[in-house]
Amino acid sequence: MSMSSLHDMFSVITSFADLVTNGVSVLVGIIIVYLMVEMGQLLGGKFRVALNYFIIGVCVDVIAIGWSIVFGHRALFAGSVHDFLMAVGMLLITISTYKFALLILPRKAEKGVYTL
């Protein structure tokens, strides 16, 4: 077996494994969004706002994975769309975590410091 045919074989296996992994990731993301939307309908107020940031962040990450399945890691302008979308998704999930933390951490009013 020549090196080029061996390389081609591994390339096909790697591409298939990437497709399966990304497909499962999209499916899991859709299930998470569905469950979070269902839970969000039972809640309200500030908790719902924090949960919405999380839901949107996961949706953006699912879109990023879907983008990489369809288009790969194509670069637009300075970076890839996949990487940009993943960064936006992580930012939204981080905002969600901060908003959840504000709901549960006691605050020292005089210093504006949150304590455990």
PDB file of N, CA and C in Angstrom:
ATOM      1  N   MET A   1       0.858  -1.178   0.000  1.00  0.00           N
ATOM      2  CA  MET A   1       0.000   0.000   0.000  1.00  0.00           C
ATOM      3  C   MET A   1       0.902   1.238   0.000  1.00  0.00           C
ATOM      4  N   SER A   2       0.679   2.127  -0.926  1.00  0.00           N
ATOM      5  CA  SER A   2       1.528   3.309  -1.029  1.00  0.00           C
ATOM      6  C   SER A   2       1.152   4.335   0.034  1.00  0.00           C
ATOM      7  N   MET A   3       2.051   5.267   0.259  1.00  0.00           N
ATOM      8  CA  MET A   3       1.829   6.301   1.277  1.00  0.00           C
ATOM      9  C   MET A   3       0.659   7.202   0.909  1.00  0.00           C
ATOM     10  N   SER A   4       0.494   7.499  -0.388  1.00  0.00           N
ATOM     11  CA  SER A   4      -0.601   8.390  -0.784  1.00  0.00           C
ATOM     12  C   SER A   4      -1.953   7.716  -0.586  1.00  0.00           C
ATOM     13  N   SER A   5      -2.066   6.416  -0.866  1.00  0.00           N
ATOM     14  CA  SER A   5      -3.345   5.738  -0.660  1.00  0.00           C
ATOM     15  C   SER A   5      -3.629   5.582   0.830  1.00  0.00           C
ATOM     16  N   LEU A   6      -2.601   5.379   1.637  1.00  0.00           N
ATOM     17  CA  LEU A   6      -2.768   5.312   3.088  1.00  0.00           C
ATOM     18  C   LEU A   6      -3.214   6.664   3.628  1.00  0.00           C
ATOM     19  N   HIS A   7      -2.616   7.727   3.113  1.00  0.00           N
ATOM     20  CA  HIS A   7      -3.007   9.083   3.512  1.00  0.00           C
ATOM     21  C   HIS A   7      -4.449   9.360   3.119  1.00  0.00           C
ATOM     22  N   ASP A   8      -4.840   8.941   1.923  1.00  0.00           N
ATOM     23  CA  ASP A   8      -6.218   9.130   1.466  1.00  0.00           C
ATOM     24  C   ASP A   8      -7.200   8.368   2.346  1.00  0.00           C
ATOM     25  N   MET A   9      -6.843   7.158   2.737  1.00  0.00           N
ATOM     26  CA  MET A   9      -7.705   6.346   3.587  1.00  0.00           C
ATOM     27  C   MET A   9      -7.908   7.027   4.945  1.00  0.00           C
ATOM     28  N   PHE A  10      -6.831   7.500   5.553  1.00  0.00           N
ATOM     29  CA  PHE A  10      -6.938   8.180   6.846  1.00  0.00           C
ATOM     30  C   PHE A  10      -7.703   9.495   6.712  1.00  0.00           C
ATOM     31  N   SER A  11      -7.555  10.158   5.582  1.00  0.00           N
ATOM     32  CA  SER A  11      -8.279  11.400   5.347  1.00  0.00           C
ATOM     33  C   SER A  11      -9.783  11.151   5.296  1.00  0.00           C
ATOM     34  N   VAL A  12     -10.202  10.079   4.645  1.00  0.00           N
ATOM     35  CA  VAL A  12     -11.621   9.736   4.567  1.00  0.00           C
ATOM     36  C   VAL A  12     -12.150   9.361   5.951  1.00  0.00           C
ATOM     37  N   ILE A  13     -11.395   8.571   6.696  1.00  0.00           N
ATOM     38  CA  ILE A  13     -11.812   8.167   8.044  1.00  0.00           C
ATOM     39  C   ILE A  13     -11.943   9.384   8.951  1.00  0.00           C
ATOM     40  N   THR A  14     -10.976  10.290   8.876  1.00  0.00           N
ATOM     41  CA  THR A  14     -11.003  11.498   9.694  1.00  0.00           C
ATOM     42  C   THR A  14     -12.189  12.375   9.317  1.00  0.00           C
ATOM     43  N   SER A  15     -12.456  12.524   8.026  1.00  0.00           N
ATOM     44  CA  SER A  15     -13.593  13.332   7.583  1.00  0.00           C
ATOM     45  C   SER A  15     -14.908  12.738   8.075  1.00  0.00           C
ATOM     46  N   PHE A  16     -15.051  11.425   8.008  1.00  0.00           N
ATOM     47  CA  PHE A  16     -16.268  10.772   8.476  1.00  0.00           C
ATOM     48  C   PHE A  16     -16.419  10.935   9.986  1.00  0.00           C
ATOM     49  N   ALA A  17     -15.327  10.767  10.717  1.00  0.00           N
ATOM     50  CA  ALA A  17     -15.374  10.933  12.180  1.00  0.00           C
ATOM     51  C   ALA A  17     -15.745  12.364  12.554  1.00  0.00           C
ATOM     52  N   ASP A  18     -15.212  13.340  11.825  1.00  0.00           N
ATOM     53  CA  ASP A  18     -15.571  14.742  12.065  1.00  0.00           C
ATOM     54  C   ASP A  18     -17.051  14.979  11.804  1.00  0.00           C
ATOM     55  N   LEU A  19     -17.564  14.412  10.728  1.00  0.00           N
ATOM     56  CA  LEU A  19     -18.970  14.573  10.385  1.00  0.00           C
ATOM     57  C   LEU A  19     -19.868  13.975  11.465  1.00  0.00           C
ATOM     58  N   VAL A  20     -19.537  12.773  11.940  1.00  0.00           N
ATOM     59  CA  VAL A  20     -20.335  12.124  12.985  1.00  0.00           C
ATOM     60  C   VAL A  20     -20.267  12.930  14.280  1.00  0.00           C
ATOM     61  N   THR A  21     -19.080  13.347  14.671  1.00  0.00           N
ATOM     62  CA  THR A  21     -18.915  14.122  15.902  1.00  0.00           C
ATOM     63  C   THR A  21     -19.677  15.439  15.831  1.00  0.00           C
ATOM     64  N   ASN A  22     -19.543  16.147  14.727  1.00  0.00           N
ATOM     65  CA  ASN A  22     -20.264  17.416  14.574  1.00  0.00           C
ATOM     66  C   ASN A  22     -21.771  17.202  14.514  1.00  0.00           C
ATOM     67  N   GLY A  23     -22.208  16.137  13.841  1.00  0.00           N
ATOM     68  CA  GLY A  23     -23.637  15.839  13.772  1.00  0.00           C
ATOM     69  C   GLY A  23     -24.220  15.546  15.146  1.00  0.00           C
ATOM     70  N   VAL A  24     -23.507  14.760  15.938  1.00  0.00           N
ATOM     71  CA  VAL A  24     -23.958  14.465  17.303  1.00  0.00           C
ATOM     72  C   VAL A  24     -23.965  15.749  18.138  1.00  0.00           C
ATOM     73  N   SER A  25     -22.979  16.597  17.955  1.00  0.00           N
ATOM     74  CA  SER A  25     -22.920  17.866  18.698  1.00  0.00           C
ATOM     75  C   SER A  25     -24.111  18.758  18.373  1.00  0.00           C
ATOM     76  N   VAL A  26     -24.484  18.833  17.112  1.00  0.00           N
ATOM     77  CA  VAL A  26     -25.649  19.628  16.724  1.00  0.00           C
ATOM     78  C   VAL A  26     -26.910  19.042  17.343  1.00  0.00           C
ATOM     79  N   LEU A  27     -27.063  17.726  17.296  1.00  0.00           N
ATOM     80  CA  LEU A  27     -28.232  17.069  17.881  1.00  0.00           C
ATOM     81  C   LEU A  27     -28.326  17.330  19.384  1.00  0.00           C
ATOM     82  N   VAL A  28     -27.215  17.188  20.094  1.00  0.00           N
ATOM     83  CA  VAL A  28     -27.191  17.454  21.534  1.00  0.00           C
ATOM     84  C   VAL A  28     -27.526  18.922  21.805  1.00  0.00           C
ATOM     85  N   GLY A  29     -26.986  19.828  21.015  1.00  0.00           N
ATOM     86  CA  GLY A  29     -27.277  21.250  21.181  1.00  0.00           C
ATOM     87  C   GLY A  29     -28.746  21.562  20.998  1.00  0.00           C
ATOM     88  N   ILE A  30     -29.367  20.940  20.001  1.00  0.00           N
ATOM     89  CA  ILE A  30     -30.796  21.165  19.764  1.00  0.00           C
ATOM     90  C   ILE A  30     -31.620  20.638  20.940  1.00  0.00           C
ATOM     91  N   ILE A  31     -31.248  19.488  21.467  1.00  0.00           N
ATOM     92  CA  ILE A  31     -31.954  18.931  22.629  1.00  0.00           C
ATOM     93  C   ILE A  31     -31.793  19.843  23.840  1.00  0.00           C
ATOM     94  N   ILE A  32     -30.590  20.354  24.059  1.00  0.00           N
ATOM     95  CA  ILE A  32     -30.356  21.264  25.187  1.00  0.00           C
ATOM     96  C   ILE A  32     -31.207  22.519  25.046  1.00  0.00           C
ATOM     97  N   VAL A  33     -31.235  23.096  23.856  1.00  0.00           N
ATOM     98  CA  VAL A  33     -32.034  24.307  23.637  1.00  0.00           C
ATOM     99  C   VAL A  33     -33.509  24.013  23.903  1.00  0.00           C
ATOM    100  N   TYR A  34     -34.008  22.896  23.402  1.00  0.00           N
ATOM    101  CA  TYR A  34     -35.407  22.530  23.626  1.00  0.00           C
ATOM    102  C   TYR A  34     -35.709  22.421  25.126  1.00  0.00           C
ATOM    103  N   LEU A  35     -34.848  21.717  25.860  1.00  0.00           N
ATOM    104  CA  LEU A  35     -35.069  21.541  27.303  1.00  0.00           C
ATOM    105  C   LEU A  35     -34.995  22.875  28.047  1.00  0.00           C
ATOM    106  N   MET A  36     -34.064  23.731  27.656  1.00  0.00           N
ATOM    107  CA  MET A  36     -33.924  25.022  28.319  1.00  0.00           C
ATOM    108  C   MET A  36     -35.114  25.936  28.022  1.00  0.00           C
ATOM    109  N   VAL A  37     -35.634  25.890  26.796  1.00  0.00           N
ATOM    110  CA  VAL A  37     -36.816  26.693  26.457  1.00  0.00           C
ATOM    111  C   VAL A  37     -38.014  26.204  27.266  1.00  0.00           C
ATOM    112  N   GLU A  38     -38.161  24.889  27.378  1.00  0.00           N
ATOM    113  CA  GLU A  38     -39.249  24.334  28.191  1.00  0.00           C
ATOM    114  C   GLU A  38     -39.129  24.784  29.645  1.00  0.00           C
ATOM    115  N   MET A  39     -37.915  24.739  30.203  1.00  0.00           N
ATOM    116  CA  MET A  39     -37.702  25.171  31.577  1.00  0.00           C
ATOM    117  C   MET A  39     -37.941  26.672  31.709  1.00  0.00           C
ATOM    118  N   GLY A  40     -37.518  27.433  30.709  1.00  0.00           N
ATOM    119  CA  GLY A  40     -37.684  28.885  30.739  1.00  0.00           C
ATOM    120  C   GLY A  40     -39.133  29.318  30.765  1.00  0.00           C
ATOM    121  N   GLN A  41     -40.012  28.519  30.196  1.00  0.00           N
ATOM    122  CA  GLN A  41     -41.430  28.853  30.204  1.00  0.00           C
ATOM    123  C   GLN A  41     -42.023  28.751  31.605  1.00  0.00           C
ATOM    124  N   LEU A  42     -41.386  27.979  32.468  1.00  0.00           N
ATOM    125  CA  LEU A  42     -41.867  27.841  33.842  1.00  0.00           C
ATOM    126  C   LEU A  42     -41.333  28.939  34.756  1.00  0.00           C
ATOM    127  N   LEU A  43     -40.307  29.630  34.304  1.00  0.00           N
ATOM    128  CA  LEU A  43     -39.628  30.619  35.136  1.00  0.00           C
ATOM    129  C   LEU A  43     -39.911  32.021  34.624  1.00  0.00           C
ATOM    130  N   GLY A  44     -39.532  32.979  35.392  1.00  0.00           N
ATOM    131  CA  GLY A  44     -39.721  34.358  34.961  1.00  0.00           C
ATOM    132  C   GLY A  44     -38.663  35.254  35.550  1.00  0.00           C
ATOM    133  N   GLY A  45     -38.802  36.523  35.284  1.00  0.00           N
ATOM    134  CA  GLY A  45     -37.949  37.539  35.880  1.00  0.00           C
ATOM    135  C   GLY A  45     -36.498  37.456  35.468  1.00  0.00           C
ATOM    136  N   LYS A  46     -35.623  37.755  36.433  1.00  0.00           N
ATOM    137  CA  LYS A  46     -34.181  37.805  36.171  1.00  0.00           C
ATOM    138  C   LYS A  46     -33.611  36.439  35.818  1.00  0.00           C
ATOM    139  N   PHE A  47     -34.202  35.386  36.375  1.00  0.00           N
ATOM    140  CA  PHE A  47     -33.725  34.046  36.052  1.00  0.00           C
ATOM    141  C   PHE A  47     -33.946  33.746  34.575  1.00  0.00           C
ATOM    142  N   ARG A  48     -35.080  34.154  34.070  1.00  0.00           N
ATOM    143  CA  ARG A  48     -35.407  33.923  32.657  1.00  0.00           C
ATOM    144  C   ARG A  48     -34.457  34.706  31.748  1.00  0.00           C
ATOM    145  N   VAL A  49     -34.106  35.913  32.144  1.00  0.00           N
ATOM    146  CA  VAL A  49     -33.165  36.723  31.352  1.00  0.00           C
ATOM    147  C   VAL A  49     -31.813  36.019  31.263  1.00  0.00           C
ATOM    148  N   ALA A  50     -31.319  35.528  32.401  1.00  0.00           N
ATOM    149  CA  ALA A  50     -30.036  34.822  32.412  1.00  0.00           C
ATOM    150  C   ALA A  50     -30.111  33.555  31.565  1.00  0.00           C
ATOM    151  N   LEU A  51     -31.216  32.839  31.665  1.00  0.00           N
ATOM    152  CA  LEU A  51     -31.394  31.616  30.892  1.00  0.00           C
ATOM    153  C   LEU A  51     -31.456  31.912  29.395  1.00  0.00           C
ATOM    154  N   ASN A  52     -32.055  33.029  29.022  1.00  0.00           N
ATOM    155  CA  ASN A  52     -32.125  33.402  27.602  1.00  0.00           C
ATOM    156  C   ASN A  52     -30.738  33.641  27.008  1.00  0.00           C
ATOM    157  N   TYR A  53     -29.829  34.257  27.777  1.00  0.00           N
ATOM    158  CA  TYR A  53     -28.454  34.426  27.302  1.00  0.00           C
ATOM    159  C   TYR A  53     -27.815  33.059  27.040  1.00  0.00           C
ATOM    160  N   PHE A  54     -28.062  32.120  27.939  1.00  0.00           N
ATOM    161  CA  PHE A  54     -27.518  30.772  27.778  1.00  0.00           C
ATOM    162  C   PHE A  54     -28.085  30.110  26.521  1.00  0.00           C
ATOM    163  N   ILE A  55     -29.396  30.203  26.350  1.00  0.00           N
ATOM    164  CA  ILE A  55     -30.058  29.583  25.193  1.00  0.00           C
ATOM    165  C   ILE A  55     -29.527  30.164  23.888  1.00  0.00           C
ATOM    166  N   ILE A  56     -29.418  31.478  23.817  1.00  0.00           N
ATOM    167  CA  ILE A  56     -28.911  32.110  22.594  1.00  0.00           C
ATOM    168  C   ILE A  56     -27.457  31.718  22.353  1.00  0.00           C
ATOM    169  N   GLY A  57     -26.656  31.646  23.429  1.00  0.00           N
ATOM    170  CA  GLY A  57     -25.259  31.232  23.293  1.00  0.00           C
ATOM    171  C   GLY A  57     -25.129  29.822  22.736  1.00  0.00           C
ATOM    172  N   VAL A  58     -25.935  28.902  23.228  1.00  0.00           N
ATOM    173  CA  VAL A  58     -25.901  27.530  22.716  1.00  0.00           C
ATOM    174  C   VAL A  58     -26.377  27.496  21.263  1.00  0.00           C
ATOM    175  N   CYS A  59     -27.409  28.275  20.942  1.00  0.00           N
ATOM    176  CA  CYS A  59     -27.890  28.335  19.552  1.00  0.00           C
ATOM    177  C   CYS A  59     -26.791  28.819  18.614  1.00  0.00           C
ATOM    178  N   VAL A  60     -26.057  29.833  19.021  1.00  0.00           N
ATOM    179  CA  VAL A  60     -24.970  30.348  18.175  1.00  0.00           C
ATOM    180  C   VAL A  60     -23.883  29.289  18.012  1.00  0.00           C
ATOM    181  N   ASP A  61     -23.577  28.548  19.080  1.00  0.00           N
ATOM    182  CA  ASP A  61     -22.580  27.477  18.974  1.00  0.00           C
ATOM    183  C   ASP A  61     -23.060  26.353  18.055  1.00  0.00           C
ATOM    184  N   VAL A  62     -24.345  26.022  18.122  1.00  0.00           N
ATOM    185  CA  VAL A  62     -24.901  25.002  17.223  1.00  0.00           C
ATOM    186  C   VAL A  62     -24.817  25.478  15.773  1.00  0.00           C
ATOM    187  N   ILE A  63     -25.104  26.744  15.541  1.00  0.00           N
ATOM    188  CA  ILE A  63     -24.981  27.305  14.191  1.00  0.00           C
ATOM    189  C   ILE A  63     -23.533  27.228  13.718  1.00  0.00           C
ATOM    190  N   ALA A  64     -22.593  27.498  14.622  1.00  0.00           N
ATOM    191  CA  ALA A  64     -21.168  27.433  14.265  1.00  0.00           C
ATOM    192  C   ALA A  64     -20.773  26.017  13.855  1.00  0.00           C
ATOM    193  N   ILE A  65     -21.260  25.024  14.588  1.00  0.00           N
ATOM    194  CA  ILE A  65     -20.932  23.639  14.246  1.00  0.00           C
ATOM    195  C   ILE A  65     -21.604  23.264  12.923  1.00  0.00           C
ATOM    196  N   GLY A  66     -22.854  23.673  12.764  1.00  0.00           N
ATOM    197  CA  GLY A  66     -23.538  23.422  11.494  1.00  0.00           C
ATOM    198  C   GLY A  66     -22.819  24.077  10.327  1.00  0.00           C
ATOM    199  N   TRP A  67     -22.336  25.288  10.543  1.00  0.00           N
ATOM    200  CA  TRP A  67     -21.574  25.997   9.506  1.00  0.00           C
ATOM    201  C   TRP A  67     -20.345  25.188   9.102  1.00  0.00           C
ATOM    202  N   SER A  68     -19.640  24.636  10.105  1.00  0.00           N
ATOM    203  CA  SER A  68     -18.427  23.883   9.782  1.00  0.00           C
ATOM    204  C   SER A  68     -18.754  22.568   9.070  1.00  0.00           C
ATOM    205  N   ILE A  69     -19.942  21.989   9.327  1.00  0.00           N
ATOM    206  CA  ILE A  69     -20.344  20.788   8.597  1.00  0.00           C
ATOM    207  C   ILE A  69     -20.564  21.131   7.130  1.00  0.00           C
ATOM    208  N   VAL A  70     -21.260  22.221   6.873  1.00  0.00           N
ATOM    209  CA  VAL A  70     -21.639  22.576   5.505  1.00  0.00           C
ATOM    210  C   VAL A  70     -20.489  23.250   4.747  1.00  0.00           C
ATOM    211  N   PHE A  71     -19.844  24.231   5.390  1.00  0.00           N
ATOM    212  CA  PHE A  71     -18.861  25.054   4.675  1.00  0.00           C
ATOM    213  C   PHE A  71     -17.415  24.832   5.124  1.00  0.00           C
ATOM    214  N   GLY A  72     -17.202  24.087   6.192  1.00  0.00           N
ATOM    215  CA  GLY A  72     -15.853  23.923   6.712  1.00  0.00           C
ATOM    216  C   GLY A  72     -15.428  25.164   7.475  1.00  0.00           C
ATOM    217  N   HIS A  73     -14.136  25.373   7.603  1.00  0.00           N
ATOM    218  CA  HIS A  73     -13.606  26.522   8.340  1.00  0.00           C
ATOM    219  C   HIS A  73     -13.140  27.591   7.360  1.00  0.00           C
ATOM    220  N   ARG A  74     -14.044  28.009   6.503  1.00  0.00           N
ATOM    221  CA  ARG A  74     -13.717  29.047   5.527  1.00  0.00           C
ATOM    222  C   ARG A  74     -13.464  30.373   6.222  1.00  0.00           C
ATOM    223  N   ALA A  75     -12.494  31.075   5.724  1.00  0.00           N
ATOM    224  CA  ALA A  75     -12.170  32.376   6.287  1.00  0.00           C
ATOM    225  C   ALA A  75     -12.914  33.475   5.539  1.00  0.00           C
ATOM    226  N   LEU A  76     -13.527  34.346   6.300  1.00  0.00           N
ATOM    227  CA  LEU A  76     -14.100  35.568   5.750  1.00  0.00           C
ATOM    228  C   LEU A  76     -13.368  36.708   6.430  1.00  0.00           C
ATOM    229  N   PHE A  77     -12.861  37.599   5.667  1.00  0.00           N
ATOM    230  CA  PHE A  77     -12.082  38.727   6.186  1.00  0.00           C
ATOM    231  C   PHE A  77     -10.866  38.200   6.942  1.00  0.00           C
ATOM    232  N   ALA A  78     -10.844  38.325   8.272  1.00  0.00           N
ATOM    233  CA  ALA A  78      -9.629  37.982   9.018  1.00  0.00           C
ATOM    234  C   ALA A  78      -9.653  36.582   9.619  1.00  0.00           C
ATOM    235  N   GLY A  79     -10.826  35.997   9.847  1.00  0.00           N
ATOM    236  CA  GLY A  79     -10.876  34.690  10.500  1.00  0.00           C
ATOM    237  C   GLY A  79     -12.033  33.855   9.986  1.00  0.00           C
ATOM    238  N   SER A  80     -12.124  32.645  10.502  1.00  0.00           N
ATOM    239  CA  SER A  80     -13.183  31.759  10.035  1.00  0.00           C
ATOM    240  C   SER A  80     -14.509  32.105  10.702  1.00  0.00           C
ATOM    241  N   VAL A  81     -15.581  31.877   9.988  1.00  0.00           N
ATOM    242  CA  VAL A  81     -16.925  32.137  10.498  1.00  0.00           C
ATOM    243  C   VAL A  81     -17.194  31.238  11.703  1.00  0.00           C
ATOM    244  N   HIS A  82     -16.768  29.982  11.608  1.00  0.00           N
ATOM    245  CA  HIS A  82     -16.947  29.038  12.713  1.00  0.00           C
ATOM    246  C   HIS A  82     -16.328  29.578  13.999  1.00  0.00           C
ATOM    247  N   ASP A  83     -15.090  30.024  13.912  1.00  0.00           N
ATOM    248  CA  ASP A  83     -14.400  30.531  15.101  1.00  0.00           C
ATOM    249  C   ASP A  83     -15.084  31.774  15.662  1.00  0.00           C
ATOM    250  N   PHE A  84     -15.522  32.668  14.779  1.00  0.00           N
ATOM    251  CA  PHE A  84     -16.211  33.872  15.217  1.00  0.00           C
ATOM    252  C   PHE A  84     -17.511  33.523  15.936  1.00  0.00           C
ATOM    253  N   LEU A  85     -18.308  32.632  15.343  1.00  0.00           N
ATOM    254  CA  LEU A  85     -19.570  32.241  15.968  1.00  0.00           C
ATOM    255  C   LEU A  85     -19.342  31.544  17.310  1.00  0.00           C
ATOM    256  N   MET A  86     -18.339  30.694  17.391  1.00  0.00           N
ATOM    257  CA  MET A  86     -18.042  30.019  18.664  1.00  0.00           C
ATOM    258  C   MET A  86     -17.649  31.039  19.739  1.00  0.00           C
ATOM    259  N   ALA A  87     -16.882  32.052  19.358  1.00  0.00           N
ATOM    260  CA  ALA A  87     -16.487  33.087  20.318  1.00  0.00           C
ATOM    261  C   ALA A  87     -17.703  33.871  20.806  1.00  0.00           C
ATOM    262  N   VAL A  88     -18.615  34.201  19.897  1.00  0.00           N
ATOM    263  CA  VAL A  88     -19.842  34.909  20.290  1.00  0.00           C
ATOM    264  C   VAL A  88     -20.671  34.037  21.229  1.00  0.00           C
ATOM    265  N   GLY A  89     -20.795  32.750  20.907  1.00  0.00           N
ATOM    266  CA  GLY A  89     -21.535  31.831  21.765  1.00  0.00           C
ATOM    267  C   GLY A  89     -20.932  31.732  23.159  1.00  0.00           C
ATOM    268  N   MET A  90     -19.610  31.650  23.233  1.00  0.00           N
ATOM    269  CA  MET A  90     -18.953  31.585  24.541  1.00  0.00           C
ATOM    270  C   MET A  90     -19.159  32.872  25.330  1.00  0.00           C
ATOM    271  N   LEU A  91     -19.130  34.003  24.637  1.00  0.00           N
ATOM    272  CA  LEU A  91     -19.365  35.283  25.300  1.00  0.00           C
ATOM    273  C   LEU A  91     -20.771  35.330  25.899  1.00  0.00           C
ATOM    274  N   LEU A  92     -21.762  34.896  25.136  1.00  0.00           N
ATOM    275  CA  LEU A  92     -23.141  34.895  25.631  1.00  0.00           C
ATOM    276  C   LEU A  92     -23.319  33.937  26.813  1.00  0.00           C
ATOM    277  N   ILE A  93     -22.688  32.779  26.765  1.00  0.00           N
ATOM    278  CA  ILE A  93     -22.768  31.838  27.880  1.00  0.00           C
ATOM    279  C   ILE A  93     -22.070  32.409  29.105  1.00  0.00           C
ATOM    280  N   THR A  94     -20.988  33.141  28.907  1.00  0.00           N
ATOM    281  CA  THR A  94     -20.302  33.796  30.030  1.00  0.00           C
ATOM    282  C   THR A  94     -21.183  34.875  30.650  1.00  0.00           C
ATOM    283  N   ILE A  95     -21.861  35.665  29.825  1.00  0.00           N
ATOM    284  CA  ILE A  95     -22.798  36.674  30.348  1.00  0.00           C
ATOM    285  C   ILE A  95     -23.900  35.988  31.143  1.00  0.00           C
ATOM    286  N   SER A  96     -24.389  34.857  30.635  1.00  0.00           N
ATOM    287  CA  SER A  96     -25.412  34.090  31.343  1.00  0.00           C
ATOM    288  C   SER A  96     -24.913  33.645  32.715  1.00  0.00           C
ATOM    289  N   THR A  97     -23.699  33.141  32.765  1.00  0.00           N
ATOM    290  CA  THR A  97     -23.119  32.692  34.038  1.00  0.00           C
ATOM    291  C   THR A  97     -23.009  33.851  35.019  1.00  0.00           C
ATOM    292  N   TYR A  98     -22.584  35.008  34.541  1.00  0.00           N
ATOM    293  CA  TYR A  98     -22.485  36.192  35.395  1.00  0.00           C
ATOM    294  C   TYR A  98     -23.858  36.581  35.940  1.00  0.00           C
ATOM    295  N   LYS A  99     -24.866  36.571  35.068  1.00  0.00           N
ATOM    296  CA  LYS A  99     -26.215  36.941  35.507  1.00  0.00           C
ATOM    297  C   LYS A  99     -26.780  35.928  36.507  1.00  0.00           C
ATOM    298  N   PHE A 100     -26.492  34.643  36.315  1.00  0.00           N
ATOM    299  CA  PHE A 100     -26.903  33.644  37.305  1.00  0.00           C
ATOM    300  C   PHE A 100     -26.182  33.876  38.630  1.00  0.00           C
ATOM    301  N   ALA A 101     -24.899  34.212  38.560  1.00  0.00           N
ATOM    302  CA  ALA A 101     -24.126  34.455  39.785  1.00  0.00           C
ATOM    303  C   ALA A 101     -24.691  35.636  40.560  1.00  0.00           C
ATOM    304  N   LEU A 102     -25.129  36.671  39.860  1.00  0.00           N
ATOM    305  CA  LEU A 102     -25.718  37.831  40.545  1.00  0.00           C
ATOM    306  C   LEU A 102     -26.985  37.452  41.305  1.00  0.00           C
ATOM    307  N   LEU A 103     -27.653  36.415  40.865  1.00  0.00           N
ATOM    308  CA  LEU A 103     -28.884  35.988  41.525  1.00  0.00           C
ATOM    309  C   LEU A 103     -28.632  35.211  42.811  1.00  0.00           C
ATOM    310  N   ILE A 104     -27.464  34.568  42.908  1.00  0.00           N
ATOM    311  CA  ILE A 104     -27.239  33.692  44.065  1.00  0.00           C
ATOM    312  C   ILE A 104     -26.171  34.182  45.038  1.00  0.00           C
ATOM    313  N   LEU A 105     -25.309  35.096  44.606  1.00  0.00           N
ATOM    314  CA  LEU A 105     -24.242  35.555  45.490  1.00  0.00           C
ATOM    315  C   LEU A 105     -24.720  36.735  46.339  1.00  0.00           C
ATOM    316  N   PRO A 106     -24.480  36.678  47.662  1.00  0.00           N
ATOM    317  CA  PRO A 106     -24.810  37.847  48.484  1.00  0.00           C
ATOM    318  C   PRO A 106     -23.872  39.008  48.149  1.00  0.00           C
ATOM    319  N   ARG A 107     -24.389  40.222  48.254  1.00  0.00           N
ATOM    320  CA  ARG A 107     -23.606  41.396  47.871  1.00  0.00           C
ATOM    321  C   ARG A 107     -23.388  42.302  49.070  1.00  0.00           C
ATOM    322  N   LYS A 108     -22.163  42.760  49.219  1.00  0.00           N
ATOM    323  CA  LYS A 108     -21.860  43.781  50.219  1.00  0.00           C
ATOM    324  C   LYS A 108     -22.138  45.127  49.570  1.00  0.00           C
ATOM    325  N   ALA A 109     -23.215  45.762  49.995  1.00  0.00           N
ATOM    326  CA  ALA A 109     -23.697  46.973  49.335  1.00  0.00           C
ATOM    327  C   ALA A 109     -22.675  48.108  49.357  1.00  0.00           C
ATOM    328  N   GLU A 110     -21.928  48.252  50.452  1.00  0.00           N
ATOM    329  CA  GLU A 110     -21.031  49.393  50.551  1.00  0.00           C
ATOM    330  C   GLU A 110     -19.839  49.310  49.594  1.00  0.00           C
ATOM    331  N   LYS A 111     -19.426  48.103  49.222  1.00  0.00           N
ATOM    332  CA  LYS A 111     -18.263  47.954  48.360  1.00  0.00           C
ATOM    333  C   LYS A 111     -18.626  47.485  46.960  1.00  0.00           C
ATOM    334  N   GLY A 112     -19.846  47.015  46.762  1.00  0.00           N
ATOM    335  CA  GLY A 112     -20.215  46.456  45.466  1.00  0.00           C
ATOM    336  C   GLY A 112     -19.492  45.159  45.168  1.00  0.00           C
ATOM    337  N   VAL A 113     -19.043  44.462  46.231  1.00  0.00           N
ATOM    338  CA  VAL A 113     -18.283  43.233  46.078  1.00  0.00           C
ATOM    339  C   VAL A 113     -19.182  42.044  46.371  1.00  0.00           C
ATOM    340  N   TYR A 114     -19.047  41.016  45.553  1.00  0.00           N
ATOM    341  CA  TYR A 114     -19.819  39.797  45.768  1.00  0.00           C
ATOM    342  C   TYR A 114     -18.963  38.812  46.548  1.00  0.00           C
ATOM    343  N   THR A 115     -19.568  38.186  47.526  1.00  0.00           N
ATOM    344  CA  THR A 115     -18.828  37.248  48.380  1.00  0.00           C
ATOM    345  C   THR A 115     -19.427  35.865  48.281  1.00  0.00           C
ATOM    346  N   LEU A 116     -18.628  34.883  48.596  1.00  0.00           N
ATOM    347  CA  LEU A 116     -19.111  33.515  48.655  1.00  0.00           C
ATOM    348  C   LEU A 116     -19.538  33.239  50.022  1.00  0.00           C
TER     349      LEU A 116
END
